[in-house]
Amino acid sequence: MCHGTDGVAKKMAEGSKNFNDPAWKKTATVESIVKETADGKGKMKGFAGKLSPEQMNAIATYVLTLAK
């Protein structure tokens, strides 16, 4: 919803990282993405308690595939 299928932040996620940015991928890890997904960051509310740890790990793993 906030990042397109290519990982680029949409207008509503303006200021967020683009998941297809190679510079972002150099520092991103499954653990860091899971933490931000669980806790929230910026405009994004956290998903702790709404998604299981397995679901957050799956999302993080997928997001890392979007980097060029």
N, C-alpha and C. Protein backbone atom coordinates (compact mmCIF):
# COMPACT_ATOMS: atom_id res chain seq x y z
N MET A 1 0.82 -1.18 0.00
CA MET A 1 0.00 0.00 0.00
C MET A 1 0.88 1.26 0.00
N CYS A 2 1.92 1.27 0.78
CA CYS A 2 2.77 2.48 0.88
C CYS A 2 3.96 2.42 -0.06
N HIS A 3 4.38 1.21 -0.39
CA HIS A 3 5.48 1.01 -1.33
C HIS A 3 4.91 0.19 -2.48
N GLY A 4 5.19 0.62 -3.71
CA GLY A 4 4.68 -0.10 -4.86
C GLY A 4 5.28 -1.49 -4.99
N THR A 5 4.83 -2.23 -5.97
CA THR A 5 5.33 -3.58 -6.18
C THR A 5 6.81 -3.59 -6.52
N ASP A 6 7.33 -2.44 -6.94
CA ASP A 6 8.76 -2.32 -7.22
C ASP A 6 9.55 -1.84 -6.00
N GLY A 7 8.86 -1.57 -4.90
CA GLY A 7 9.53 -1.15 -3.67
C GLY A 7 9.71 0.35 -3.53
N VAL A 8 9.27 1.11 -4.51
CA VAL A 8 9.41 2.57 -4.46
C VAL A 8 8.30 3.15 -3.59
N ALA A 9 8.71 4.04 -2.68
CA ALA A 9 7.74 4.68 -1.78
C ALA A 9 6.77 5.52 -2.58
N LYS A 10 5.48 5.33 -2.31
CA LYS A 10 4.43 6.11 -2.97
C LYS A 10 4.29 7.46 -2.25
N LYS A 11 3.46 8.32 -2.79
CA LYS A 11 3.25 9.66 -2.22
C LYS A 11 2.93 9.60 -0.74
N MET A 12 2.07 8.65 -0.32
CA MET A 12 1.69 8.55 1.09
C MET A 12 2.87 8.14 1.99
N ALA A 13 3.91 7.57 1.39
CA ALA A 13 5.08 7.14 2.15
C ALA A 13 6.28 8.04 1.85
N GLU A 14 5.99 9.23 1.37
CA GLU A 14 7.05 10.16 1.01
C GLU A 14 8.05 10.32 2.16
N GLY A 15 9.33 10.24 1.82
CA GLY A 15 10.38 10.33 2.82
C GLY A 15 10.86 8.96 3.29
N SER A 16 10.11 7.93 2.96
CA SER A 16 10.51 6.57 3.31
C SER A 16 11.57 6.07 2.34
N LYS A 17 12.28 5.05 2.74
CA LYS A 17 13.29 4.46 1.87
C LYS A 17 12.63 3.73 0.71
N ASN A 18 13.30 3.73 -0.42
CA ASN A 18 12.88 2.93 -1.56
C ASN A 18 13.56 1.57 -1.42
N PHE A 19 12.76 0.53 -1.39
CA PHE A 19 13.31 -0.80 -1.15
C PHE A 19 14.14 -1.33 -2.31
N ASN A 20 14.09 -0.68 -3.46
CA ASN A 20 14.90 -1.11 -4.59
C ASN A 20 16.21 -0.31 -4.71
N ASP A 21 16.52 0.47 -3.71
CA ASP A 21 17.73 1.29 -3.70
C ASP A 21 18.92 0.45 -3.23
N PRO A 22 19.93 0.24 -4.08
CA PRO A 22 21.08 -0.58 -3.69
C PRO A 22 21.80 -0.06 -2.44
N ALA A 23 21.84 1.26 -2.25
CA ALA A 23 22.48 1.82 -1.06
C ALA A 23 21.71 1.42 0.20
N TRP A 24 20.39 1.38 0.12
CA TRP A 24 19.57 0.96 1.27
C TRP A 24 19.84 -0.50 1.59
N LYS A 25 19.94 -1.32 0.55
CA LYS A 25 20.12 -2.76 0.77
C LYS A 25 21.44 -3.07 1.46
N LYS A 26 22.44 -2.23 1.28
CA LYS A 26 23.74 -2.46 1.92
C LYS A 26 23.63 -2.45 3.44
N THR A 27 22.66 -1.72 3.97
CA THR A 27 22.53 -1.62 5.43
C THR A 27 21.31 -2.38 5.97
N ALA A 28 20.39 -2.74 5.10
CA ALA A 28 19.16 -3.41 5.54
C ALA A 28 19.42 -4.89 5.81
N THR A 29 18.80 -5.39 6.86
CA THR A 29 18.86 -6.81 7.20
C THR A 29 17.44 -7.28 7.50
N VAL A 30 17.26 -8.58 7.48
CA VAL A 30 15.95 -9.12 7.86
C VAL A 30 15.60 -8.62 9.26
N GLU A 31 16.56 -8.66 10.16
CA GLU A 31 16.31 -8.25 11.55
C GLU A 31 15.91 -6.78 11.64
N SER A 32 16.59 -5.91 10.90
CA SER A 32 16.25 -4.48 10.97
C SER A 32 14.87 -4.20 10.37
N ILE A 33 14.52 -4.91 9.31
CA ILE A 33 13.21 -4.72 8.69
C ILE A 33 12.12 -5.25 9.60
N VAL A 34 12.35 -6.41 10.23
CA VAL A 34 11.37 -6.96 11.18
C VAL A 34 11.14 -5.99 12.32
N LYS A 35 12.22 -5.40 12.85
CA LYS A 35 12.10 -4.46 13.96
C LYS A 35 11.25 -3.25 13.56
N GLU A 36 11.52 -2.69 12.38
CA GLU A 36 10.75 -1.52 11.93
C GLU A 36 9.30 -1.90 11.63
N THR A 37 9.09 -3.11 11.13
CA THR A 37 7.73 -3.58 10.87
C THR A 37 6.97 -3.74 12.18
N ALA A 38 7.63 -4.31 13.17
CA ALA A 38 6.99 -4.54 14.47
C ALA A 38 6.75 -3.23 15.22
N ASP A 39 7.77 -2.37 15.25
CA ASP A 39 7.71 -1.15 16.06
C ASP A 39 7.07 0.03 15.34
N GLY A 40 7.14 0.02 14.02
CA GLY A 40 6.69 1.16 13.24
C GLY A 40 7.83 2.15 13.05
N LYS A 41 7.67 3.02 12.07
CA LYS A 41 8.69 4.04 11.82
C LYS A 41 8.05 5.14 11.00
N GLY A 42 8.30 6.38 11.39
CA GLY A 42 7.71 7.50 10.67
C GLY A 42 6.20 7.43 10.72
N LYS A 43 5.57 7.50 9.56
CA LYS A 43 4.11 7.45 9.47
C LYS A 43 3.56 6.03 9.65
N MET A 44 4.42 5.03 9.46
CA MET A 44 3.97 3.64 9.53
C MET A 44 3.79 3.20 10.98
N LYS A 45 2.61 2.75 11.29
CA LYS A 45 2.36 2.20 12.62
C LYS A 45 2.92 0.79 12.69
N GLY A 46 3.28 0.36 13.88
CA GLY A 46 3.84 -0.96 14.08
C GLY A 46 2.81 -2.07 13.89
N PHE A 47 3.30 -3.23 13.53
CA PHE A 47 2.44 -4.38 13.30
C PHE A 47 2.62 -5.47 14.36
N ALA A 48 3.33 -5.16 15.43
CA ALA A 48 3.49 -6.14 16.51
C ALA A 48 2.12 -6.50 17.05
N GLY A 49 1.87 -7.80 17.19
CA GLY A 49 0.57 -8.26 17.66
C GLY A 49 -0.46 -8.40 16.55
N LYS A 50 -0.17 -7.83 15.39
CA LYS A 50 -1.08 -7.94 14.24
C LYS A 50 -0.55 -8.96 13.23
N LEU A 51 0.77 -9.07 13.18
CA LEU A 51 1.41 -10.05 12.32
C LEU A 51 2.27 -10.96 13.21
N SER A 52 2.36 -12.21 12.82
CA SER A 52 3.19 -13.15 13.58
C SER A 52 4.66 -12.89 13.24
N PRO A 53 5.59 -13.35 14.09
CA PRO A 53 7.00 -13.23 13.76
C PRO A 53 7.34 -13.87 12.42
N GLU A 54 6.69 -14.99 12.11
CA GLU A 54 6.93 -15.66 10.84
C GLU A 54 6.48 -14.80 9.67
N GLN A 55 5.35 -14.13 9.80
CA GLN A 55 4.86 -13.24 8.75
C GLN A 55 5.81 -12.06 8.55
N MET A 56 6.28 -11.48 9.65
CA MET A 56 7.20 -10.34 9.54
C MET A 56 8.53 -10.78 8.92
N ASN A 57 9.00 -11.97 9.25
CA ASN A 57 10.23 -12.49 8.62
C ASN A 57 10.02 -12.70 7.13
N ALA A 58 8.86 -13.21 6.74
CA ALA A 58 8.57 -13.43 5.33
C ALA A 58 8.54 -12.10 4.58
N ILE A 59 7.92 -11.10 5.17
CA ILE A 59 7.87 -9.77 4.55
C ILE A 59 9.28 -9.21 4.39
N ALA A 60 10.07 -9.28 5.44
CA ALA A 60 11.44 -8.75 5.39
C ALA A 60 12.27 -9.45 4.33
N THR A 61 12.15 -10.76 4.26
CA THR A 61 12.89 -11.52 3.26
C THR A 61 12.48 -11.11 1.85
N TYR A 62 11.18 -10.93 1.64
CA TYR A 62 10.68 -10.49 0.34
C TYR A 62 11.18 -9.07 0.00
N VAL A 63 11.08 -8.16 0.95
CA VAL A 63 11.50 -6.77 0.71
C VAL A 63 12.96 -6.73 0.25
N LEU A 64 13.80 -7.57 0.82
CA LEU A 64 15.21 -7.57 0.40
C LEU A 64 15.40 -8.05 -1.03
N THR A 65 14.44 -8.76 -1.59
CA THR A 65 14.56 -9.19 -2.99
C THR A 65 14.29 -8.04 -3.95
N LEU A 66 13.73 -6.94 -3.49
CA LEU A 66 13.37 -5.83 -4.37
C LEU A 66 14.55 -4.96 -4.75
N ALA A 67 15.63 -5.02 -3.98
CA ALA A 67 16.80 -4.18 -4.29
C ALA A 67 17.44 -4.69 -5.58
N LYS A 68 17.84 -3.76 -6.41
CA LYS A 68 18.47 -4.11 -7.71
C LYS A 68 19.81 -4.76 -7.49
